[in-house]
Amino acid sequence: MRLRPVISLLPFHFARPDTSPLTFLGFQQIMTSHDKAAVRFEKANLKNEVLSQHTPQKYSRLLNLPAELRVAIYFWVLASTQITYGETSRTNQRIKPTVNKSHPQALALLRVCRLITQDIGVRWINWAVFIFESPEALLDILTTSPTTCVAELRHVQVSGKPVMLSLPHDDVYYRLPWTMKLLPHLKLDTLTVLGSHASNLAGGSAQVDYTTIDEMITYGTGWRVFRYITPDSSMLSFPKTERFGQTYLRKPQPGTWTSVLSQRDGLESGSWVKIRRSTANSQPLRFSHGEQDAFEQAVASQDLEDYALLEDSFLATSSERNKATIVVAKRGRNADIMKEIIHTPYDQDFDLRALSSNMSWSEVRENFTEGGADEE
């Protein structure tokens, strides 16, 4: 986070602000260093109260600006802030950005003075990007946070790896669209998912990526824009696969997904799904359209019955296989992104709510995951 353009405008009267906006979403650990610094400075002020008298806030050029301009400045500072939770074993660095932990001073601006804290309020939760290295970390933090605070989140990034629970009858993998059902208060502007983390799971990484996208577009809630990123194009090329009683079969994309989303939101709602791929093999995917090619699978109606029975011959070539891919889905105008279309009774084989109806996520974690809640 770059504060340099703003620092010269900040007042030098450090007053410890009300910490109420920081007492949720697990930010106590992030703010520990700031708390210690604030305590040291507060003790110094007790010995020398003249400091604040010689540097009153009225001499701050920043605080003399109109409130709406100050808030605009705070937005540009905090919109680039990334708050990260959980641990990752990810070694694939082709998906950008990759963040392992939060910057120790990520929220330093909230500690400058009471007026700045008051100006910002809880807006910073709307502005910052919250990165969860696993769906378990997402649930660990957000299921134990006040729902009013969870509802303020606008930008979340999370791994697409399914949650594995060891139930009495078998190990069950819960994909992201269903684990997120435990967070019905989410109202995200953007949900970004990093895929291809499931190579050891039944069906293979490509099949899990494809099914996760398919279920998120068909049943997912809590987001306006959904982005799914993979380091290659295998989710668009795999052949028909049958594993453990489940059939994985692709359809022409993004046309099929666009049709599904239009049925949810209305034909005239403006909803859409687009696919873009990097322009070269093994090239990190960025969100600049100049470095991406639009992609669409066009199939004649008479060929639909046999579509995807075999691997896509074009995408399987050495020049195409390793092109990074991003699928972007946008909900329609006036779409109710919190409206649930799946109701009880929930299926225990794929919907995590079937377990959480009688116990909290913490209890599910403790009883059905290896290492329990201490795993993360």
Protein backbone atom coordinates (compact mmCIF):
# COMPACT_ATOMS: atom_id res chain seq x y z
CA MET A 1 0.00 0.00 0.00
CA ARG A 2 1.46 3.36 -1.03
CA LEU A 3 0.88 6.22 1.42
CA ARG A 4 3.61 8.55 0.19
CA PRO A 5 1.35 11.03 -1.71
CA VAL A 6 -0.80 11.48 1.39
CA ILE A 7 1.75 11.49 4.21
CA SER A 8 2.80 15.09 3.71
CA LEU A 9 -0.81 16.19 4.21
CA LEU A 10 -1.46 14.26 7.40
CA PRO A 11 -1.60 16.06 10.78
CA PHE A 12 1.00 15.14 13.38
CA HIS A 13 -1.47 15.08 16.25
CA PHE A 14 -1.82 11.34 16.86
CA ALA A 15 -4.89 10.56 18.95
CA ARG A 16 -5.87 6.98 19.53
CA PRO A 17 -9.22 6.58 17.73
CA ASP A 18 -12.20 4.50 18.68
CA THR A 19 -11.27 0.96 17.63
CA SER A 20 -14.83 -0.31 17.18
CA PRO A 21 -14.55 -0.67 13.37
CA LEU A 22 -11.52 -2.94 13.91
CA THR A 23 -12.94 -5.41 16.39
CA PHE A 24 -14.45 -7.79 13.85
CA LEU A 25 -13.39 -9.99 10.93
CA GLY A 26 -10.34 -11.14 12.91
CA PHE A 27 -8.48 -7.84 12.59
CA GLN A 28 -7.23 -7.90 16.18
CA GLN A 29 -4.06 -9.71 15.08
CA ILE A 30 -3.48 -7.37 12.15
CA MET A 31 -3.81 -4.34 14.39
CA THR A 32 -1.61 -5.59 17.26
CA SER A 33 1.46 -3.64 16.12
CA HIS A 34 -0.63 -0.50 15.66
CA ASP A 35 -2.12 -0.88 19.14
CA LYS A 36 1.33 -1.13 20.74
CA ALA A 37 2.54 1.92 18.85
CA ALA A 38 -0.56 3.86 19.83
CA VAL A 39 -0.08 2.98 23.50
CA ARG A 40 3.55 4.14 23.40
CA PHE A 41 2.57 7.39 21.74
CA GLU A 42 -0.30 7.93 24.17
CA LYS A 43 2.07 7.59 27.10
CA ALA A 44 4.39 10.10 25.49
CA ASN A 45 1.51 12.54 25.08
CA LEU A 46 0.67 12.28 28.75
CA LYS A 47 4.18 13.52 29.51
CA ASN A 48 4.09 16.27 26.93
CA GLU A 49 0.59 17.52 26.14
CA VAL A 50 2.12 20.56 24.47
CA LEU A 51 2.72 18.46 21.34
CA SER A 52 -0.91 18.52 20.29
CA GLN A 53 -1.24 22.24 21.10
CA HIS A 54 1.59 23.17 18.72
CA THR A 55 0.29 20.98 15.86
CA PRO A 56 -3.49 21.47 15.83
CA GLN A 57 -5.49 19.73 13.14
CA LYS A 58 -6.54 23.03 11.61
CA TYR A 59 -3.04 23.30 10.10
CA SER A 60 -3.45 20.02 8.20
CA ARG A 61 -4.02 20.60 4.49
CA LEU A 62 -5.68 17.19 4.25
CA LEU A 63 -8.18 17.81 7.03
CA ASN A 64 -9.00 21.27 5.67
CA LEU A 65 -10.27 19.74 2.44
CA PRO A 66 -14.02 19.17 2.03
CA ALA A 67 -15.13 15.88 3.51
CA GLU A 68 -16.03 14.35 0.13
CA LEU A 69 -12.50 15.04 -1.17
CA ARG A 70 -10.93 13.55 1.94
CA VAL A 71 -13.03 10.41 1.52
CA ALA A 72 -11.95 10.19 -2.15
CA ILE A 73 -8.29 10.30 -1.04
CA TYR A 74 -8.88 7.62 1.58
CA PHE A 75 -10.53 5.45 -1.06
CA TRP A 76 -7.48 5.55 -3.34
CA VAL A 77 -5.25 4.63 -0.41
CA LEU A 78 -7.36 1.78 0.93
CA ALA A 79 -8.75 0.37 -2.34
CA SER A 80 -5.31 -1.15 -3.02
CA THR A 81 -5.18 -2.70 0.45
CA GLN A 82 -5.29 -6.50 0.65
CA ILE A 83 -6.19 -8.26 3.88
CA THR A 84 -5.16 -11.92 3.79
CA TYR A 85 -6.22 -14.89 5.91
CA GLY A 86 -5.18 -18.52 6.04
CA GLU A 87 -2.21 -20.48 4.80
CA THR A 88 -1.56 -21.76 1.32
CA SER A 89 0.55 -24.49 -0.20
CA ARG A 90 0.09 -22.97 -3.66
CA THR A 91 3.28 -23.04 -5.72
CA ASN A 92 1.83 -21.95 -9.06
CA GLN A 93 2.89 -18.33 -9.50
CA ARG A 94 1.30 -17.83 -12.91
CA ILE A 95 -1.95 -16.60 -11.40
CA LYS A 96 -1.61 -12.96 -10.40
CA PRO A 97 -1.82 -11.46 -7.84
CA THR A 98 -0.34 -13.87 -5.28
CA VAL A 99 -0.39 -12.64 -1.69
CA ASN A 100 0.77 -14.69 1.29
CA LYS A 101 0.07 -12.36 4.19
CA SER A 102 -1.27 -8.90 4.97
CA HIS A 103 1.06 -5.93 5.07
CA PRO A 104 1.74 -5.19 8.76
CA GLN A 105 0.66 -1.57 8.30
CA ALA A 106 -2.23 -2.31 5.92
CA LEU A 107 -4.69 -0.27 8.01
CA ALA A 108 -2.33 2.36 9.39
CA LEU A 109 -4.46 5.19 8.00
CA LEU A 110 -7.20 4.30 10.47
CA ARG A 111 -4.81 5.07 13.34
CA VAL A 112 -3.82 8.60 12.39
CA CYS A 113 -6.50 10.57 14.22
CA ARG A 114 -10.12 10.43 15.30
CA LEU A 115 -11.35 12.63 12.45
CA ILE A 116 -9.87 10.38 9.75
CA THR A 117 -11.29 7.32 11.49
CA GLN A 118 -14.66 9.07 11.65
CA ASP A 119 -14.43 10.08 7.96
CA ILE A 120 -13.70 6.53 6.88
CA GLY A 121 -16.00 4.72 9.30
CA VAL A 122 -16.67 1.22 7.96
CA ARG A 123 -16.22 2.28 4.34
CA TRP A 124 -12.77 0.67 4.30
CA ILE A 125 -14.46 -2.73 4.47
CA ASN A 126 -16.18 -1.84 1.18
CA TRP A 127 -12.89 -0.73 -0.40
CA ALA A 128 -10.30 -3.32 0.67
CA VAL A 129 -9.80 -6.72 -1.01
CA PHE A 130 -10.15 -9.65 1.39
CA ILE A 131 -8.08 -12.65 0.33
CA PHE A 132 -8.79 -16.08 1.79
CA GLU A 133 -6.21 -18.70 0.94
CA SER A 134 -8.75 -21.50 1.35
CA PRO A 135 -12.54 -21.86 1.67
CA GLU A 136 -11.93 -23.09 5.22
CA ALA A 137 -10.27 -19.78 6.09
CA LEU A 138 -13.20 -17.94 4.51
CA LEU A 139 -15.66 -19.80 6.71
CA ASP A 140 -13.46 -19.64 9.82
CA ILE A 141 -13.40 -15.84 9.70
CA LEU A 142 -16.77 -14.86 8.29
CA THR A 143 -19.04 -17.33 10.09
CA THR A 144 -17.78 -15.96 13.42
CA SER A 145 -18.06 -12.28 12.43
CA PRO A 146 -21.14 -10.08 12.88
CA THR A 147 -23.46 -10.43 9.90
CA THR A 148 -23.68 -6.64 9.62
CA CYS A 149 -19.93 -6.53 9.01
CA VAL A 150 -19.96 -9.46 6.57
CA ALA A 151 -22.63 -7.62 4.59
CA GLU A 152 -20.22 -4.69 4.13
CA LEU A 153 -17.64 -6.77 2.25
CA ARG A 154 -17.51 -5.97 -1.45
CA HIS A 155 -14.35 -7.63 -2.81
CA VAL A 156 -13.27 -11.19 -1.93
CA GLN A 157 -10.68 -13.52 -3.45
CA VAL A 158 -10.60 -17.19 -2.46
CA SER A 159 -9.14 -20.50 -3.58
CA GLY A 160 -11.47 -22.73 -5.57
CA LYS A 161 -10.29 -25.93 -3.89
CA PRO A 162 -13.24 -27.88 -2.45
CA VAL A 163 -13.60 -28.45 1.27
CA MET A 164 -13.06 -32.10 2.21
CA LEU A 165 -15.00 -33.44 5.18
CA SER A 166 -14.52 -36.94 6.53
CA LEU A 167 -18.11 -37.98 7.20
CA PRO A 168 -18.97 -41.34 8.80
CA HIS A 169 -19.91 -42.93 5.48
CA ASP A 170 -17.21 -41.42 3.25
CA ASP A 171 -14.99 -38.44 2.46
CA VAL A 172 -17.13 -35.76 0.85
CA TYR A 173 -15.85 -32.79 -1.18
CA TYR A 174 -17.92 -29.59 -1.02
CA ARG A 175 -17.35 -27.17 -3.87
CA LEU A 176 -17.23 -23.42 -3.32
CA PRO A 177 -20.79 -22.54 -4.44
CA TRP A 178 -22.10 -24.75 -1.63
CA THR A 179 -19.64 -23.78 1.10
CA MET A 180 -20.55 -20.13 0.47
CA LYS A 181 -24.17 -20.98 1.27
CA LEU A 182 -23.11 -20.71 4.92
CA LEU A 183 -22.66 -16.96 4.31
CA PRO A 184 -26.13 -15.80 3.21
CA HIS A 185 -25.42 -12.16 4.08
CA LEU A 186 -22.68 -11.66 1.48
CA LYS A 187 -23.35 -8.87 -1.04
CA LEU A 188 -20.10 -8.82 -3.02
CA ASP A 189 -19.39 -6.59 -5.98
CA THR A 190 -16.63 -8.98 -7.11
CA LEU A 191 -15.88 -12.57 -6.19
CA THR A 192 -12.55 -13.77 -7.60
CA VAL A 193 -11.71 -17.48 -7.44
CA LEU A 194 -8.31 -19.00 -8.18
CA GLY A 195 -8.84 -22.43 -9.66
CA SER A 196 -6.74 -25.50 -10.51
CA HIS A 197 -6.07 -26.33 -6.86
CA ALA A 198 -7.83 -29.68 -6.97
CA SER A 199 -5.51 -32.00 -8.90
CA ASN A 200 -5.70 -34.71 -6.24
CA LEU A 201 -9.48 -34.85 -6.19
CA ALA A 202 -11.81 -37.30 -7.92
CA GLY A 203 -12.53 -36.14 -11.44
CA GLY A 204 -9.37 -34.11 -11.89
CA SER A 205 -8.59 -30.42 -11.62
CA ALA A 206 -10.15 -29.42 -14.94
CA GLN A 207 -13.42 -31.18 -14.16
CA VAL A 208 -13.60 -29.62 -10.69
CA ASP A 209 -12.89 -26.16 -12.12
CA TYR A 210 -15.60 -26.53 -14.75
CA THR A 211 -18.19 -27.88 -12.31
CA THR A 212 -17.44 -25.15 -9.77
CA ILE A 213 -18.06 -22.47 -12.39
CA ASP A 214 -21.17 -24.24 -13.65
CA GLU A 215 -22.67 -24.51 -10.16
CA MET A 216 -21.70 -20.96 -9.20
CA ILE A 217 -23.45 -19.54 -12.26
CA THR A 218 -26.47 -21.81 -11.84
CA TYR A 219 -26.93 -21.72 -8.06
CA GLY A 220 -24.43 -19.22 -6.62
CA THR A 221 -25.53 -16.23 -4.56
CA GLY A 222 -23.90 -13.23 -2.92
CA TRP A 223 -21.99 -11.75 -5.91
CA ARG A 224 -22.55 -9.33 -8.79
CA VAL A 225 -19.40 -10.17 -10.74
CA PHE A 226 -17.82 -13.60 -10.53
CA ARG A 227 -14.31 -14.25 -11.90
CA TYR A 228 -12.71 -17.68 -12.11
CA ILE A 229 -9.04 -17.90 -13.10
CA THR A 230 -7.03 -20.97 -14.09
CA PRO A 231 -3.39 -21.19 -15.27
CA ASP A 232 -4.31 -23.25 -18.33
CA SER A 233 -7.27 -24.07 -20.62
CA SER A 234 -7.91 -27.67 -19.59
CA MET A 235 -11.32 -26.94 -18.05
CA LEU A 236 -12.55 -26.09 -21.56
CA SER A 237 -11.08 -29.17 -23.25
CA PHE A 238 -11.39 -32.28 -21.06
CA PRO A 239 -13.27 -35.31 -22.43
CA LYS A 240 -16.36 -36.85 -20.86
CA THR A 241 -15.30 -38.28 -17.52
CA GLU A 242 -17.08 -40.66 -15.16
CA ARG A 243 -15.64 -40.99 -11.67
CA PHE A 244 -17.22 -42.32 -8.47
CA GLY A 245 -20.74 -42.22 -9.84
CA GLN A 246 -20.50 -38.67 -11.21
CA THR A 247 -20.40 -37.72 -14.88
CA TYR A 248 -18.38 -34.68 -15.95
CA LEU A 249 -19.50 -33.43 -19.36
CA ARG A 250 -18.70 -30.05 -20.86
CA LYS A 251 -21.07 -27.89 -22.91
CA PRO A 252 -20.20 -25.13 -25.40
CA GLN A 253 -19.07 -22.07 -23.46
CA PRO A 254 -19.65 -19.31 -22.63
CA GLY A 255 -22.93 -19.55 -24.56
CA THR A 256 -24.45 -22.18 -22.26
CA TRP A 257 -23.54 -20.27 -19.10
CA THR A 258 -24.87 -17.01 -20.57
CA SER A 259 -28.17 -18.76 -21.27
CA VAL A 260 -28.35 -20.11 -17.71
CA LEU A 261 -27.69 -16.69 -16.20
CA SER A 262 -30.28 -15.08 -18.49
CA GLN A 263 -32.85 -17.57 -17.24
CA ARG A 264 -32.05 -16.57 -13.65
CA ASP A 265 -32.05 -12.80 -14.16
CA GLY A 266 -34.24 -12.28 -17.25
CA LEU A 267 -33.52 -12.15 -20.97
CA GLU A 268 -33.41 -8.34 -20.94
CA SER A 269 -31.45 -8.01 -17.70
CA GLY A 270 -28.07 -7.53 -19.37
CA SER A 271 -26.44 -10.48 -17.62
CA TRP A 272 -23.55 -12.11 -19.45
CA VAL A 273 -20.65 -14.56 -19.25
CA LYS A 274 -17.37 -14.05 -21.10
CA ILE A 275 -14.21 -16.11 -21.43
CA ARG A 276 -10.76 -14.71 -22.15
CA ARG A 277 -7.44 -16.48 -22.54
CA SER A 278 -3.86 -15.23 -22.41
CA THR A 279 -2.27 -14.59 -25.77
CA ALA A 280 0.70 -16.90 -25.21
CA ASN A 281 1.52 -20.19 -23.49
CA SER A 282 2.68 -20.01 -19.86
CA GLN A 283 1.95 -16.29 -19.72
CA PRO A 284 0.57 -14.93 -16.43
CA LEU A 285 -3.01 -13.77 -16.89
CA ARG A 286 -3.70 -10.13 -16.14
CA PHE A 287 -6.95 -8.23 -16.31
CA SER A 288 -5.84 -6.02 -19.20
CA HIS A 289 -7.86 -6.93 -22.30
CA GLY A 290 -4.88 -6.09 -24.46
CA GLU A 291 -3.17 -9.23 -23.17
CA GLN A 292 -6.19 -11.51 -23.60
CA ASP A 293 -8.12 -13.10 -26.43
CA ALA A 294 -11.89 -13.48 -26.28
CA PHE A 295 -12.90 -17.13 -26.54
CA GLU A 296 -16.12 -18.87 -27.59
CA GLN A 297 -16.97 -22.46 -28.46
CA ALA A 298 -19.39 -22.48 -31.38
CA VAL A 299 -21.10 -25.79 -32.14
CA ALA A 300 -23.72 -26.60 -34.76
CA SER A 301 -27.01 -27.86 -33.32
CA GLN A 302 -26.70 -31.22 -35.05
CA ASP A 303 -23.36 -31.79 -33.31
CA LEU A 304 -24.48 -31.02 -29.75
CA GLU A 305 -25.34 -34.63 -28.90
CA ASP A 306 -21.75 -35.76 -29.40
CA TYR A 307 -20.12 -32.59 -28.11
CA ALA A 308 -17.28 -32.99 -25.58
CA LEU A 309 -17.27 -36.77 -25.60
CA LEU A 310 -13.62 -36.47 -26.60
CA GLU A 311 -10.95 -33.98 -25.64
CA ASP A 312 -11.06 -30.70 -27.57
CA SER A 313 -8.43 -31.23 -30.26
CA PHE A 314 -7.68 -27.53 -30.70
CA LEU A 315 -7.23 -26.67 -27.02
CA ALA A 316 -5.21 -29.84 -26.45
CA THR A 317 -2.41 -28.73 -28.78
CA SER A 318 0.90 -27.69 -27.28
CA SER A 319 0.40 -24.08 -28.42
CA GLU A 320 -3.02 -23.75 -26.72
CA ARG A 321 -3.10 -26.05 -23.71
CA ASN A 322 -1.17 -23.82 -21.31
CA LYS A 323 -2.89 -20.52 -22.00
CA ALA A 324 -4.29 -19.06 -18.78
CA THR A 325 -8.06 -18.60 -18.73
CA ILE A 326 -10.51 -16.30 -16.97
CA VAL A 327 -14.27 -16.76 -16.92
CA VAL A 328 -16.24 -13.64 -15.94
CA ALA A 329 -19.96 -13.73 -15.14
CA LYS A 330 -22.04 -10.62 -14.43
CA ARG A 331 -25.49 -10.70 -12.87
CA GLY A 332 -28.26 -8.76 -14.56
CA ARG A 333 -29.69 -5.37 -13.70
CA ASN A 334 -31.86 -5.42 -10.57
CA ALA A 335 -30.94 -9.07 -9.94
CA ASP A 336 -31.47 -10.13 -6.34
CA ILE A 337 -28.02 -11.57 -5.69
CA MET A 338 -29.06 -12.90 -2.27
CA LYS A 339 -32.13 -14.78 -3.49
CA GLU A 340 -31.83 -18.48 -2.78
CA ILE A 341 -33.14 -20.99 -5.32
CA ILE A 342 -32.25 -24.18 -3.44
CA HIS A 343 -34.34 -24.95 -0.36
CA THR A 344 -34.58 -27.64 2.29
CA PRO A 345 -34.04 -30.49 2.55
CA TYR A 346 -30.41 -29.99 1.53
CA ASP A 347 -28.41 -32.81 -0.05
CA GLN A 348 -25.60 -33.87 2.29
CA ASP A 349 -23.50 -35.09 -0.63
CA PHE A 350 -22.89 -31.59 -2.01
CA ASP A 351 -24.67 -28.90 0.07
CA LEU A 352 -22.79 -28.04 3.26
CA ARG A 353 -25.95 -26.60 4.80
CA ALA A 354 -27.17 -30.15 5.35
CA LEU A 355 -24.53 -30.48 8.08
CA SER A 356 -24.60 -26.93 9.42
CA SER A 357 -28.34 -27.03 10.13
CA ASN A 358 -27.61 -28.81 13.43
CA MET A 359 -24.15 -27.46 14.20
CA SER A 360 -21.99 -24.41 13.58
CA TRP A 361 -19.17 -24.37 11.02
CA SER A 362 -16.70 -24.47 13.92
CA GLU A 363 -18.29 -27.70 15.12
CA VAL A 364 -18.31 -29.14 11.60
CA ARG A 365 -14.63 -28.22 11.29
CA GLU A 366 -13.79 -29.81 14.61
CA ASN A 367 -15.65 -33.04 13.94
CA PHE A 368 -15.06 -33.70 10.26
CA THR A 369 -11.71 -32.23 9.21
CA GLU A 370 -8.23 -33.53 9.93
CA GLY A 371 -6.72 -31.43 12.69
CA GLY A 372 -9.98 -29.66 13.41
CA ALA A 373 -10.04 -25.90 13.74
CA ASP A 374 -6.28 -25.78 14.32
CA GLU A 375 -5.49 -26.95 10.79
CA GLU A 376 -5.30 -23.43 9.38
